[in-house]
Amino acid sequence: MTDPHTKHLRRNMTDAERRLWSRLRNGALGYEFRRQHRLGPYIVDFVCLERRLIVEADGGQHNLETEIVRDERRTAWLESRAYRVLRFWNNEILLRTDDVVNTIWHALREEHEGLPPLR
């Protein structure tokens, strides 16, 4: 059964999330990603379960002191479960999409030598 909050987030993605999802979906980088996926008490923007890689798209609200503390706690919890967390600002995703995708691609392949470069 799908979590109603997760379902709502999938239907109401930000422009940055939508753009990034268009580049991650359907195994476009050689690995499957899920969007708005629940991990424990958190819903992450994007996750590749196979590589234990999480990608977060952060808006301006993440600059608030309360959000910084919350994000640090969240990242620590996820990392304690062997996930790697990459965070990108929404404007970075929108203005430098190829650079963001390239960073994600490299993170997916960090432990794999001899793989071809990004298509």
PDB file of N, CA and C in Angstrom:
ATOM      1  N   MET A   1       0.838  -1.191   0.000  1.00  0.00           N
ATOM      2  CA  MET A   1       0.000   0.000   0.000  1.00  0.00           C
ATOM      3  C   MET A   1       0.880   1.251   0.000  1.00  0.00           C
ATOM      4  N   THR A   2       0.544   2.204  -0.830  1.00  0.00           N
ATOM      5  CA  THR A   2       1.328   3.428  -0.945  1.00  0.00           C
ATOM      6  C   THR A   2       0.936   4.416   0.143  1.00  0.00           C
ATOM      7  N   ASP A   3       1.928   5.001   0.739  1.00  0.00           N
ATOM      8  CA  ASP A   3       1.754   6.030   1.758  1.00  0.00           C
ATOM      9  C   ASP A   3       1.102   7.258   1.105  1.00  0.00           C
ATOM     10  N   PRO A   4      -0.012   7.781   1.647  1.00  0.00           N
ATOM     11  CA  PRO A   4      -0.683   8.930   1.025  1.00  0.00           C
ATOM     12  C   PRO A   4       0.215  10.165   0.922  1.00  0.00           C
ATOM     13  N   HIS A   5       1.092  10.370   1.912  1.00  0.00           N
ATOM     14  CA  HIS A   5       1.996  11.524   1.857  1.00  0.00           C
ATOM     15  C   HIS A   5       3.006  11.364   0.720  1.00  0.00           C
ATOM     16  N   THR A   6       3.517  10.167   0.544  1.00  0.00           N
ATOM     17  CA  THR A   6       4.448   9.880  -0.548  1.00  0.00           C
ATOM     18  C   THR A   6       3.770  10.104  -1.887  1.00  0.00           C
ATOM     19  N   LYS A   7       2.555   9.634  -1.997  1.00  0.00           N
ATOM     20  CA  LYS A   7       1.775   9.799  -3.231  1.00  0.00           C
ATOM     21  C   LYS A   7       1.583  11.290  -3.547  1.00  0.00           C
ATOM     22  N   HIS A   8       1.267  12.070  -2.517  1.00  0.00           N
ATOM     23  CA  HIS A   8       1.089  13.519  -2.681  1.00  0.00           C
ATOM     24  C   HIS A   8       2.389  14.165  -3.181  1.00  0.00           C
ATOM     25  N   LEU A   9       3.519  13.792  -2.587  1.00  0.00           N
ATOM     26  CA  LEU A   9       4.804  14.365  -2.998  1.00  0.00           C
ATOM     27  C   LEU A   9       5.143  14.009  -4.442  1.00  0.00           C
ATOM     28  N   ARG A  10       4.812  12.809  -4.861  1.00  0.00           N
ATOM     29  CA  ARG A  10       5.077  12.408  -6.246  1.00  0.00           C
ATOM     30  C   ARG A  10       4.256  13.222  -7.228  1.00  0.00           C
ATOM     31  N   ARG A  11       3.022  13.536  -6.851  1.00  0.00           N
ATOM     32  CA  ARG A  11       2.147  14.309  -7.730  1.00  0.00           C
ATOM     33  C   ARG A  11       2.501  15.787  -7.750  1.00  0.00           C
ATOM     34  N   ASN A  12       3.197  16.272  -6.721  1.00  0.00           N
ATOM     35  CA  ASN A  12       3.470  17.702  -6.579  1.00  0.00           C
ATOM     36  C   ASN A  12       4.957  18.006  -6.514  1.00  0.00           C
ATOM     37  N   MET A  13       5.716  17.433  -7.428  1.00  0.00           N
ATOM     38  CA  MET A  13       7.155  17.675  -7.444  1.00  0.00           C
ATOM     39  C   MET A  13       7.454  19.118  -7.843  1.00  0.00           C
ATOM     40  N   THR A  14       8.572  19.625  -7.328  1.00  0.00           N
ATOM     41  CA  THR A  14       9.032  20.950  -7.732  1.00  0.00           C
ATOM     42  C   THR A  14       9.559  20.875  -9.161  1.00  0.00           C
ATOM     43  N   ASP A  15       9.783  22.025  -9.778  1.00  0.00           N
ATOM     44  CA  ASP A  15      10.358  22.042 -11.128  1.00  0.00           C
ATOM     45  C   ASP A  15      11.717  21.355 -11.145  1.00  0.00           C
ATOM     46  N   ALA A  16      12.515  21.593 -10.121  1.00  0.00           N
ATOM     47  CA  ALA A  16      13.846  20.975 -10.047  1.00  0.00           C
ATOM     48  C   ALA A  16      13.724  19.455  -9.915  1.00  0.00           C
ATOM     49  N   GLU A  17      12.830  18.991  -9.065  1.00  0.00           N
ATOM     50  CA  GLU A  17      12.632  17.547  -8.906  1.00  0.00           C
ATOM     51  C   GLU A  17      12.156  16.925 -10.214  1.00  0.00           C
ATOM     52  N   ARG A  18      11.248  17.607 -10.880  1.00  0.00           N
ATOM     53  CA  ARG A  18      10.719  17.110 -12.156  1.00  0.00           C
ATOM     54  C   ARG A  18      11.838  16.996 -13.197  1.00  0.00           C
ATOM     55  N   ARG A  19      12.674  18.017 -13.262  1.00  0.00           N
ATOM     56  CA  ARG A  19      13.766  17.999 -14.240  1.00  0.00           C
ATOM     57  C   ARG A  19      14.748  16.878 -13.926  1.00  0.00           C
ATOM     58  N   LEU A  20      15.103  16.745 -12.655  1.00  0.00           N
ATOM     59  CA  LEU A  20      16.058  15.708 -12.277  1.00  0.00           C
ATOM     60  C   LEU A  20      15.460  14.313 -12.506  1.00  0.00           C
ATOM     61  N   TRP A  21      14.197  14.131 -12.164  1.00  0.00           N
ATOM     62  CA  TRP A  21      13.552  12.840 -12.374  1.00  0.00           C
ATOM     63  C   TRP A  21      13.573  12.453 -13.850  1.00  0.00           C
ATOM     64  N   SER A  22      13.420  13.430 -14.733  1.00  0.00           N
ATOM     65  CA  SER A  22      13.437  13.131 -16.168  1.00  0.00           C
ATOM     66  C   SER A  22      14.787  12.579 -16.609  1.00  0.00           C
ATOM     67  N   ARG A  23      15.833  12.873 -15.836  1.00  0.00           N
ATOM     68  CA  ARG A  23      17.183  12.392 -16.169  1.00  0.00           C
ATOM     69  C   ARG A  23      17.569  11.120 -15.408  1.00  0.00           C
ATOM     70  N   LEU A  24      16.821  10.781 -14.355  1.00  0.00           N
ATOM     71  CA  LEU A  24      17.143   9.607 -13.541  1.00  0.00           C
ATOM     72  C   LEU A  24      16.254   8.403 -13.827  1.00  0.00           C
ATOM     73  N   ARG A  25      15.064   8.653 -14.324  1.00  0.00           N
ATOM     74  CA  ARG A  25      14.055   7.595 -14.449  1.00  0.00           C
ATOM     75  C   ARG A  25      14.424   6.565 -15.509  1.00  0.00           C
ATOM     76  N   ASN A  26      13.780   5.420 -15.406  1.00  0.00           N
ATOM     77  CA  ASN A  26      13.925   4.330 -16.377  1.00  0.00           C
ATOM     78  C   ASN A  26      15.359   3.846 -16.555  1.00  0.00           C
ATOM     79  N   GLY A  27      16.153   3.918 -15.494  1.00  0.00           N
ATOM     80  CA  GLY A  27      17.522   3.407 -15.559  1.00  0.00           C
ATOM     81  C   GLY A  27      18.432   4.190 -16.483  1.00  0.00           C
ATOM     82  N   ALA A  28      18.133   5.458 -16.697  1.00  0.00           N
ATOM     83  CA  ALA A  28      18.894   6.282 -17.644  1.00  0.00           C
ATOM     84  C   ALA A  28      20.384   6.350 -17.330  1.00  0.00           C
ATOM     85  N   LEU A  29      20.759   6.206 -16.059  1.00  0.00           N
ATOM     86  CA  LEU A  29      22.177   6.252 -15.685  1.00  0.00           C
ATOM     87  C   LEU A  29      22.739   4.852 -15.424  1.00  0.00           C
ATOM     88  N   GLY A  30      21.995   3.845 -15.819  1.00  0.00           N
ATOM     89  CA  GLY A  30      22.457   2.478 -15.640  1.00  0.00           C
ATOM     90  C   GLY A  30      21.974   1.837 -14.350  1.00  0.00           C
ATOM     91  N   TYR A  31      21.246   2.578 -13.535  1.00  0.00           N
ATOM     92  CA  TYR A  31      20.697   2.080 -12.274  1.00  0.00           C
ATOM     93  C   TYR A  31      19.289   2.620 -12.109  1.00  0.00           C
ATOM     94  N   GLU A  32      18.456   1.852 -11.436  1.00  0.00           N
ATOM     95  CA  GLU A  32      17.082   2.275 -11.190  1.00  0.00           C
ATOM     96  C   GLU A  32      17.009   3.209  -9.986  1.00  0.00           C
ATOM     97  N   PHE A  33      16.265   4.280 -10.135  1.00  0.00           N
ATOM     98  CA  PHE A  33      15.977   5.202  -9.041  1.00  0.00           C
ATOM     99  C   PHE A  33      14.498   5.149  -8.713  1.00  0.00           C
ATOM    100  N   ARG A  34      14.187   5.401  -7.470  1.00  0.00           N
ATOM    101  CA  ARG A  34      12.807   5.597  -7.029  1.00  0.00           C
ATOM    102  C   ARG A  34      12.689   7.035  -6.577  1.00  0.00           C
ATOM    103  N   ARG A  35      11.511   7.594  -6.728  1.00  0.00           N
ATOM    104  CA  ARG A  35      11.303   8.983  -6.293  1.00  0.00           C
ATOM    105  C   ARG A  35      10.345   9.012  -5.119  1.00  0.00           C
ATOM    106  N   GLN A  36      10.568  10.001  -4.245  1.00  0.00           N
ATOM    107  CA  GLN A  36       9.732  10.174  -3.063  1.00  0.00           C
ATOM    108  C   GLN A  36       9.523   8.824  -2.371  1.00  0.00           C
ATOM    109  N   HIS A  37      10.628   8.248  -1.954  1.00  0.00           N
ATOM    110  CA  HIS A  37      10.635   6.899  -1.386  1.00  0.00           C
ATOM    111  C   HIS A  37      10.858   6.958   0.123  1.00  0.00           C
ATOM    112  N   ARG A  38      10.050   6.222   0.864  1.00  0.00           N
ATOM    113  CA  ARG A  38      10.173   6.204   2.325  1.00  0.00           C
ATOM    114  C   ARG A  38      11.306   5.285   2.753  1.00  0.00           C
ATOM    115  N   LEU A  39      12.190   5.833   3.601  1.00  0.00           N
ATOM    116  CA  LEU A  39      13.239   5.067   4.267  1.00  0.00           C
ATOM    117  C   LEU A  39      13.112   5.373   5.753  1.00  0.00           C
ATOM    118  N   GLY A  40      12.647   4.422   6.511  1.00  0.00           N
ATOM    119  CA  GLY A  40      12.429   4.653   7.935  1.00  0.00           C
ATOM    120  C   GLY A  40      11.455   5.795   8.130  1.00  0.00           C
ATOM    121  N   PRO A  41      11.825   6.775   8.968  1.00  0.00           N
ATOM    122  CA  PRO A  41      10.909   7.880   9.237  1.00  0.00           C
ATOM    123  C   PRO A  41      10.943   8.979   8.160  1.00  0.00           C
ATOM    124  N   TYR A  42      11.767   8.818   7.135  1.00  0.00           N
ATOM    125  CA  TYR A  42      11.979   9.878   6.150  1.00  0.00           C
ATOM    126  C   TYR A  42      11.482   9.483   4.769  1.00  0.00           C
ATOM    127  N   ILE A  43      11.134  10.506   3.988  1.00  0.00           N
ATOM    128  CA  ILE A  43      10.848  10.326   2.569  1.00  0.00           C
ATOM    129  C   ILE A  43      11.947  11.065   1.829  1.00  0.00           C
ATOM    130  N   VAL A  44      12.727  10.321   1.047  1.00  0.00           N
ATOM    131  CA  VAL A  44      13.832  10.920   0.304  1.00  0.00           C
ATOM    132  C   VAL A  44      13.357  11.266  -1.102  1.00  0.00           C
ATOM    133  N   ASP A  45      13.960  12.289  -1.686  1.00  0.00           N
ATOM    134  CA  ASP A  45      13.542  12.718  -3.019  1.00  0.00           C
ATOM    135  C   ASP A  45      13.781  11.618  -4.051  1.00  0.00           C
ATOM    136  N   PHE A  46      15.023  11.109  -4.106  1.00  0.00           N
ATOM    137  CA  PHE A  46      15.377  10.059  -5.064  1.00  0.00           C
ATOM    138  C   PHE A  46      16.341   9.101  -4.391  1.00  0.00           C
ATOM    139  N   VAL A  47      16.196   7.816  -4.683  1.00  0.00           N
ATOM    140  CA  VAL A  47      17.122   6.836  -4.120  1.00  0.00           C
ATOM    141  C   VAL A  47      17.382   5.728  -5.138  1.00  0.00           C
ATOM    142  N   CYS A  48      18.642   5.348  -5.226  1.00  0.00           N
ATOM    143  CA  CYS A  48      19.037   4.146  -5.938  1.00  0.00           C
ATOM    144  C   CYS A  48      19.333   3.126  -4.850  1.00  0.00           C
ATOM    145  N   LEU A  49      18.410   2.207  -4.650  1.00  0.00           N
ATOM    146  CA  LEU A  49      18.556   1.223  -3.574  1.00  0.00           C
ATOM    147  C   LEU A  49      19.755   0.312  -3.812  1.00  0.00           C
ATOM    148  N   GLU A  50      20.004  -0.047  -5.046  1.00  0.00           N
ATOM    149  CA  GLU A  50      21.112  -0.943  -5.368  1.00  0.00           C
ATOM    150  C   GLU A  50      22.455  -0.360  -4.947  1.00  0.00           C
ATOM    151  N   ARG A  51      22.647   0.937  -5.175  1.00  0.00           N
ATOM    152  CA  ARG A  51      23.918   1.597  -4.844  1.00  0.00           C
ATOM    153  C   ARG A  51      23.849   2.357  -3.528  1.00  0.00           C
ATOM    154  N   ARG A  52      22.665   2.336  -2.876  1.00  0.00           N
ATOM    155  CA  ARG A  52      22.457   3.017  -1.592  1.00  0.00           C
ATOM    156  C   ARG A  52      22.827   4.500  -1.703  1.00  0.00           C
ATOM    157  N   LEU A  53      22.366   5.109  -2.794  1.00  0.00           N
ATOM    158  CA  LEU A  53      22.637   6.521  -3.064  1.00  0.00           C
ATOM    159  C   LEU A  53      21.332   7.298  -3.037  1.00  0.00           C
ATOM    160  N   ILE A  54      21.310   8.355  -2.240  1.00  0.00           N
ATOM    161  CA  ILE A  54      20.153   9.238  -2.112  1.00  0.00           C
ATOM    162  C   ILE A  54      20.512  10.583  -2.726  1.00  0.00           C
ATOM    163  N   VAL A  55      19.581  11.140  -3.479  1.00  0.00           N
ATOM    164  CA  VAL A  55      19.758  12.470  -4.063  1.00  0.00           C
ATOM    165  C   VAL A  55      18.618  13.348  -3.565  1.00  0.00           C
ATOM    166  N   GLU A  56      18.977  14.460  -2.946  1.00  0.00           N
ATOM    167  CA  GLU A  56      17.998  15.407  -2.419  1.00  0.00           C
ATOM    168  C   GLU A  56      18.067  16.712  -3.200  1.00  0.00           C
ATOM    169  N   ALA A  57      16.903  17.247  -3.531  1.00  0.00           N
ATOM    170  CA  ALA A  57      16.779  18.550  -4.187  1.00  0.00           C
ATOM    171  C   ALA A  57      16.275  19.530  -3.135  1.00  0.00           C
ATOM    172  N   ASP A  58      17.129  20.466  -2.765  1.00  0.00           N
ATOM    173  CA  ASP A  58      16.815  21.382  -1.669  1.00  0.00           C
ATOM    174  C   ASP A  58      16.435  22.765  -2.166  1.00  0.00           C
ATOM    175  N   GLY A  59      15.311  23.269  -1.654  1.00  0.00           N
ATOM    176  CA  GLY A  59      14.885  24.635  -1.925  1.00  0.00           C
ATOM    177  C   GLY A  59      15.428  25.583  -0.869  1.00  0.00           C
ATOM    178  N   GLY A  60      15.106  26.848  -0.990  1.00  0.00           N
ATOM    179  CA  GLY A  60      15.600  27.884  -0.096  1.00  0.00           C
ATOM    180  C   GLY A  60      15.264  27.671   1.367  1.00  0.00           C
ATOM    181  N   GLN A  61      14.175  26.957   1.667  1.00  0.00           N
ATOM    182  CA  GLN A  61      13.798  26.722   3.055  1.00  0.00           C
ATOM    183  C   GLN A  61      14.871  25.931   3.792  1.00  0.00           C
ATOM    184  N   HIS A  62      15.728  25.230   3.062  1.00  0.00           N
ATOM    185  CA  HIS A  62      16.788  24.444   3.700  1.00  0.00           C
ATOM    186  C   HIS A  62      17.919  25.323   4.228  1.00  0.00           C
ATOM    187  N   ASN A  63      17.837  26.637   3.999  1.00  0.00           N
ATOM    188  CA  ASN A  63      18.795  27.592   4.568  1.00  0.00           C
ATOM    189  C   ASN A  63      18.409  28.030   5.978  1.00  0.00           C
ATOM    190  N   LEU A  64      17.183  27.757   6.391  1.00  0.00           N
ATOM    191  CA  LEU A  64      16.728  28.138   7.724  1.00  0.00           C
ATOM    192  C   LEU A  64      17.429  27.289   8.773  1.00  0.00           C
ATOM    193  N   GLU A  65      17.772  27.895   9.898  1.00  0.00           N
ATOM    194  CA  GLU A  65      18.504  27.191  10.953  1.00  0.00           C
ATOM    195  C   GLU A  65      17.805  25.898  11.376  1.00  0.00           C
ATOM    196  N   THR A  66      16.494  25.954  11.536  1.00  0.00           N
ATOM    197  CA  THR A  66      15.765  24.751  11.955  1.00  0.00           C
ATOM    198  C   THR A  66      15.871  23.648  10.901  1.00  0.00           C
ATOM    199  N   GLU A  67      15.849  24.029   9.631  1.00  0.00           N
ATOM    200  CA  GLU A  67      15.945  23.037   8.551  1.00  0.00           C
ATOM    201  C   GLU A  67      17.364  22.484   8.437  1.00  0.00           C
ATOM    202  N   ILE A  68      18.362  23.320   8.678  1.00  0.00           N
ATOM    203  CA  ILE A  68      19.753  22.857   8.639  1.00  0.00           C
ATOM    204  C   ILE A  68      19.951  21.758   9.680  1.00  0.00           C
ATOM    205  N   VAL A  69      19.453  22.002  10.886  1.00  0.00           N
ATOM    206  CA  VAL A  69      19.565  21.013  11.964  1.00  0.00           C
ATOM    207  C   VAL A  69      18.794  19.750  11.595  1.00  0.00           C
ATOM    208  N   ARG A  70      17.595  19.899  11.078  1.00  0.00           N
ATOM    209  CA  ARG A  70      16.775  18.748  10.675  1.00  0.00           C
ATOM    210  C   ARG A  70      17.457  17.951   9.568  1.00  0.00           C
ATOM    211  N   ASP A  71      18.026  18.655   8.577  1.00  0.00           N
ATOM    212  CA  ASP A  71      18.724  17.975   7.481  1.00  0.00           C
ATOM    213  C   ASP A  71      19.956  17.224   7.980  1.00  0.00           C
ATOM    214  N   GLU A  72      20.686  17.820   8.922  1.00  0.00           N
ATOM    215  CA  GLU A  72      21.865  17.147   9.480  1.00  0.00           C
ATOM    216  C   GLU A  72      21.465  15.870  10.211  1.00  0.00           C
ATOM    217  N   ARG A  73      20.390  15.946  10.985  1.00  0.00           N
ATOM    218  CA  ARG A  73      19.897  14.769  11.719  1.00  0.00           C
ATOM    219  C   ARG A  73      19.450  13.684  10.733  1.00  0.00           C
ATOM    220  N   ARG A  74      18.737  14.107   9.713  1.00  0.00           N
ATOM    221  CA  ARG A  74      18.242  13.178   8.692  1.00  0.00           C
ATOM    222  C   ARG A  74      19.407  12.505   7.959  1.00  0.00           C
ATOM    223  N   THR A  75      20.381  13.298   7.533  1.00  0.00           N
ATOM    224  CA  THR A  75      21.541  12.754   6.828  1.00  0.00           C
ATOM    225  C   THR A  75      22.301  11.776   7.715  1.00  0.00           C
ATOM    226  N   ALA A  76      22.489  12.120   8.985  1.00  0.00           N
ATOM    227  CA  ALA A  76      23.187  11.229   9.914  1.00  0.00           C
ATOM    228  C   ALA A  76      22.449   9.900  10.044  1.00  0.00           C
ATOM    229  N   TRP A  77      21.122   9.938  10.138  1.00  0.00           N
ATOM    230  CA  TRP A  77      20.340   8.709  10.249  1.00  0.00           C
ATOM    231  C   TRP A  77      20.513   7.854   8.996  1.00  0.00           C
ATOM    232  N   LEU A  78      20.419   8.482   7.826  1.00  0.00           N
ATOM    233  CA  LEU A  78      20.547   7.751   6.562  1.00  0.00           C
ATOM    234  C   LEU A  78      21.957   7.175   6.399  1.00  0.00           C
ATOM    235  N   GLU A  79      22.971   7.975   6.728  1.00  0.00           N
ATOM    236  CA  GLU A  79      24.351   7.504   6.617  1.00  0.00           C
ATOM    237  C   GLU A  79      24.625   6.365   7.602  1.00  0.00           C
ATOM    238  N   SER A  80      23.980   6.381   8.765  1.00  0.00           N
ATOM    239  CA  SER A  80      24.166   5.306   9.733  1.00  0.00           C
ATOM    240  C   SER A  80      23.596   3.987   9.212  1.00  0.00           C
ATOM    241  N   ARG A  81      22.803   4.056   8.168  1.00  0.00           N
ATOM    242  CA  ARG A  81      22.251   2.865   7.525  1.00  0.00           C
ATOM    243  C   ARG A  81      22.912   2.610   6.175  1.00  0.00           C
ATOM    244  N   ALA A  82      24.127   3.157   6.030  1.00  0.00           N
ATOM    245  CA  ALA A  82      24.991   2.912   4.867  1.00  0.00           C
ATOM    246  C   ALA A  82      24.497   3.535   3.569  1.00  0.00           C
ATOM    247  N   TYR A  83      23.719   4.610   3.664  1.00  0.00           N
ATOM    248  CA  TYR A  83      23.344   5.368   2.474  1.00  0.00           C
ATOM    249  C   TYR A  83      24.301   6.540   2.324  1.00  0.00           C
ATOM    250  N   ARG A  84      24.566   6.898   1.084  1.00  0.00           N
ATOM    251  CA  ARG A  84      25.313   8.112   0.783  1.00  0.00           C
ATOM    252  C   ARG A  84      24.288   9.144   0.330  1.00  0.00           C
ATOM    253  N   VAL A  85      24.405  10.372   0.838  1.00  0.00           N
ATOM    254  CA  VAL A  85      23.432  11.415   0.529  1.00  0.00           C
ATOM    255  C   VAL A  85      24.106  12.536  -0.262  1.00  0.00           C
ATOM    256  N   LEU A  86      23.578  12.819  -1.444  1.00  0.00           N
ATOM    257  CA  LEU A  86      24.018  13.959  -2.243  1.00  0.00           C
ATOM    258  C   LEU A  86      22.913  14.998  -2.184  1.00  0.00           C
ATOM    259  N   ARG A  87      23.288  16.248  -1.905  1.00  0.00           N
ATOM    260  CA  ARG A  87      22.313  17.339  -1.848  1.00  0.00           C
ATOM    261  C   ARG A  87      22.665  18.380  -2.901  1.00  0.00           C
ATOM    262  N   PHE A  88      21.641  18.826  -3.612  1.00  0.00           N
ATOM    263  CA  PHE A  88      21.800  19.872  -4.612  1.00  0.00           C
ATOM    264  C   PHE A  88      20.728  20.918  -4.383  1.00  0.00           C
ATOM    265  N   TRP A  89      21.093  22.171  -4.565  1.00  0.00           N
ATOM    266  CA  TRP A  89      20.109  23.255  -4.499  1.00  0.00           C
ATOM    267  C   TRP A  89      19.242  23.183  -5.742  1.00  0.00           C
ATOM    268  N   ASN A  90      17.971  23.541  -5.613  1.00  0.00           N
ATOM    269  CA  ASN A  90      17.056  23.536  -6.754  1.00  0.00           C
ATOM    270  C   ASN A  90      17.599  24.367  -7.912  1.00  0.00           C
ATOM    271  N   ASN A  91      18.132  25.561  -7.608  1.00  0.00           N
ATOM    272  CA  ASN A  91      18.627  26.403  -8.706  1.00  0.00           C
ATOM    273  C   ASN A  91      19.831  25.758  -9.400  1.00  0.00           C
ATOM    274  N   GLU A  92      20.623  25.000  -8.672  1.00  0.00           N
ATOM    275  CA  GLU A  92      21.740  24.280  -9.268  1.00  0.00           C
ATOM    276  C   GLU A  92      21.218  23.215 -10.240  1.00  0.00           C
ATOM    277  N   ILE A  93      20.174  22.514  -9.845  1.00  0.00           N
ATOM    278  CA  ILE A  93      19.569  21.493 -10.709  1.00  0.00           C
ATOM    279  C   ILE A  93      18.993  22.145 -11.964  1.00  0.00           C
ATOM    280  N   LEU A  94      18.341  23.273 -11.799  1.00  0.00           N
ATOM    281  CA  LEU A  94      17.705  23.937 -12.934  1.00  0.00           C
ATOM    282  C   LEU A  94      18.709  24.602 -13.877  1.00  0.00           C
ATOM    283  N   LEU A  95      19.776  25.165 -13.335  1.00  0.00           N
ATOM    284  CA  LEU A  95      20.729  25.926 -14.152  1.00  0.00           C
ATOM    285  C   LEU A  95      21.912  25.098 -14.644  1.00  0.00           C
ATOM    286  N   ARG A  96      22.229  24.028 -13.923  1.00  0.00           N
ATOM    287  CA  ARG A  96      23.403  23.217 -14.276  1.00  0.00           C
ATOM    288  C   ARG A  96      23.048  21.729 -14.233  1.00  0.00           C
ATOM    289  N   THR A  97      21.981  21.391 -14.908  1.00  0.00           N
ATOM    290  CA  THR A  97      21.459  20.028 -14.869  1.00  0.00           C
ATOM    291  C   THR A  97      22.514  19.001 -15.258  1.00  0.00           C
ATOM    292  N   ASP A  98      23.235  19.248 -16.336  1.00  0.00           N
ATOM    293  CA  ASP A  98      24.230  18.269 -16.789  1.00  0.00           C
ATOM    294  C   ASP A  98      25.318  18.051 -15.737  1.00  0.00           C
ATOM    295  N   ASP A  99      25.753  19.107 -15.067  1.00  0.00           N
ATOM    296  CA  ASP A  99      26.773  18.970 -14.021  1.00  0.00           C
ATOM    297  C   ASP A  99      26.252  18.141 -12.854  1.00  0.00           C
ATOM    298  N   VAL A 100      25.017  18.378 -12.465  1.00  0.00           N
ATOM    299  CA  VAL A 100      24.405  17.626 -11.362  1.00  0.00           C
ATOM    300  C   VAL A 100      24.300  16.153 -11.743  1.00  0.00           C
ATOM    301  N   VAL A 101      23.802  15.874 -12.931  1.00  0.00           N
ATOM    302  CA  VAL A 101      23.647  14.489 -13.381  1.00  0.00           C
ATOM    303  C   VAL A 101      25.014  13.813 -13.471  1.00  0.00           C
ATOM    304  N   ASN A 102      26.013  14.525 -13.929  1.00  0.00           N
ATOM    305  CA  ASN A 102      27.364  13.970 -14.020  1.00  0.00           C
ATOM    306  C   ASN A 102      27.902  13.618 -12.628  1.00  0.00           C
ATOM    307  N   THR A 103      27.642  14.465 -11.640  1.00  0.00           N
ATOM    308  CA  THR A 103      28.058  14.187 -10.266  1.00  0.00           C
ATOM    309  C   THR A 103      27.374  12.920  -9.745  1.00  0.00           C
ATOM    310  N   ILE A 104      26.094  12.787 -10.028  1.00  0.00           N
ATOM    311  CA  ILE A 104      25.341  11.601  -9.613  1.00  0.00           C
ATOM    312  C   ILE A 104      25.899  10.362 -10.306  1.00  0.00           C
ATOM    313  N   TRP A 105      26.152  10.477 -11.589  1.00  0.00           N
ATOM    314  CA  TRP A 105      26.694   9.365 -12.371  1.00  0.00           C
ATOM    315  C   TRP A 105      28.009   8.883 -11.770  1.00  0.00           C
ATOM    316  N   HIS A 106      28.891   9.821 -11.442  1.00  0.00           N
ATOM    317  CA  HIS A 106      30.184   9.455 -10.840  1.00  0.00           C
ATOM    318  C   HIS A 106      29.994   8.801  -9.474  1.00  0.00           C
ATOM    319  N   ALA A 107      29.059   9.299  -8.693  1.00  0.00           N
ATOM    320  CA  ALA A 107      28.798   8.706  -7.373  1.00  0.00           C
ATOM    321  C   ALA A 107      28.281   7.272  -7.515  1.00  0.00           C
ATOM    322  N   LEU A 108      27.475   7.016  -8.515  1.00  0.00           N
ATOM    323  CA  LEU A 108      26.963   5.665  -8.746  1.00  0.00           C
ATOM    324  C   LEU A 108      28.078   4.692  -9.095  1.00  0.00           C
ATOM    325  N   ARG A 109      29.107   5.188  -9.748  1.00  0.00           N
ATOM    326  CA  ARG A 109      30.162   4.321 -10.263  1.00  0.00           C
ATOM    327  C   ARG A 109      31.450   4.353  -9.439  1.00  0.00           C
ATOM    328  N   GLU A 110      31.453   5.055  -8.334  1.00  0.00           N
ATOM    329  CA  GLU A 110      32.677   5.229  -7.566  1.00  0.00           C
ATOM    330  C   GLU A 110      33.421   3.943  -7.275  1.00  0.00           C
ATOM    331  N   GLU A 111      32.706   2.892  -6.958  1.00  0.00           N
ATOM    332  CA  GLU A 111      33.370   1.642  -6.605  1.00  0.00           C
ATOM    333  C   GLU A 111      33.583   0.735  -7.818  1.00  0.00           C
ATOM    334  N   HIS A 112      33.193   1.203  -8.997  1.00  0.00           N
ATOM    335  CA  HIS A 112      33.305   0.376 -10.201  1.00  0.00           C
ATOM    336  C   HIS A 112      34.344   0.973 -11.142  1.00  0.00           C
ATOM    337  N   GLU A 113      35.383   0.229 -11.412  1.00  0.00           N
ATOM    338  CA  GLU A 113      36.405   0.704 -12.337  1.00  0.00           C
ATOM    339  C   GLU A 113      36.117   0.202 -13.737  1.00  0.00           C
ATOM    340  N   GLY A 114      36.563   0.962 -14.718  1.00  0.00           N
ATOM    341  CA  GLY A 114      36.467   0.530 -16.100  1.00  0.00           C
ATOM    342  C   GLY A 114      35.100   0.705 -16.737  1.00  0.00           C
ATOM    343  N   LEU A 115      34.197   1.424 -16.103  1.00  0.00           N
ATOM    344  CA  LEU A 115      32.897   1.660 -16.719  1.00  0.00           C
ATOM    345  C   LEU A 115      32.997   2.809 -17.709  1.00  0.00           C
ATOM    346  N   PRO A 116      32.186   2.785 -18.745  1.00  0.00           N
ATOM    347  CA  PRO A 116      32.259   3.849 -19.759  1.00  0.00           C
ATOM    348  C   PRO A 116      31.815   5.198 -19.183  1.00  0.00           C
ATOM    349  N   PRO A 117      32.270   6.290 -19.801  1.00  0.00           N
ATOM    350  CA  PRO A 117      31.853   7.628 -19.333  1.00  0.00           C
ATOM    351  C   PRO A 117      30.376   7.862 -19.611  1.00  0.00           C
ATOM    352  N   LEU A 118      29.855   8.919 -18.970  1.00  0.00           N
ATOM    353  CA  LEU A 118      28.447   9.289 -19.110  1.00  0.00           C
ATOM    354  C   LEU A 118      28.107   9.466 -20.586  1.00  0.00           C
ATOM    355  N   ARG A 119      26.957   8.893 -20.975  1.00  0.00           N
ATOM    356  CA  ARG A 119      26.521   8.982 -22.374  1.00  0.00           C
ATOM    357  C   ARG A 119      26.145  10.394 -22.724  1.00  0.00           C
TER     358      ARG A 119
END
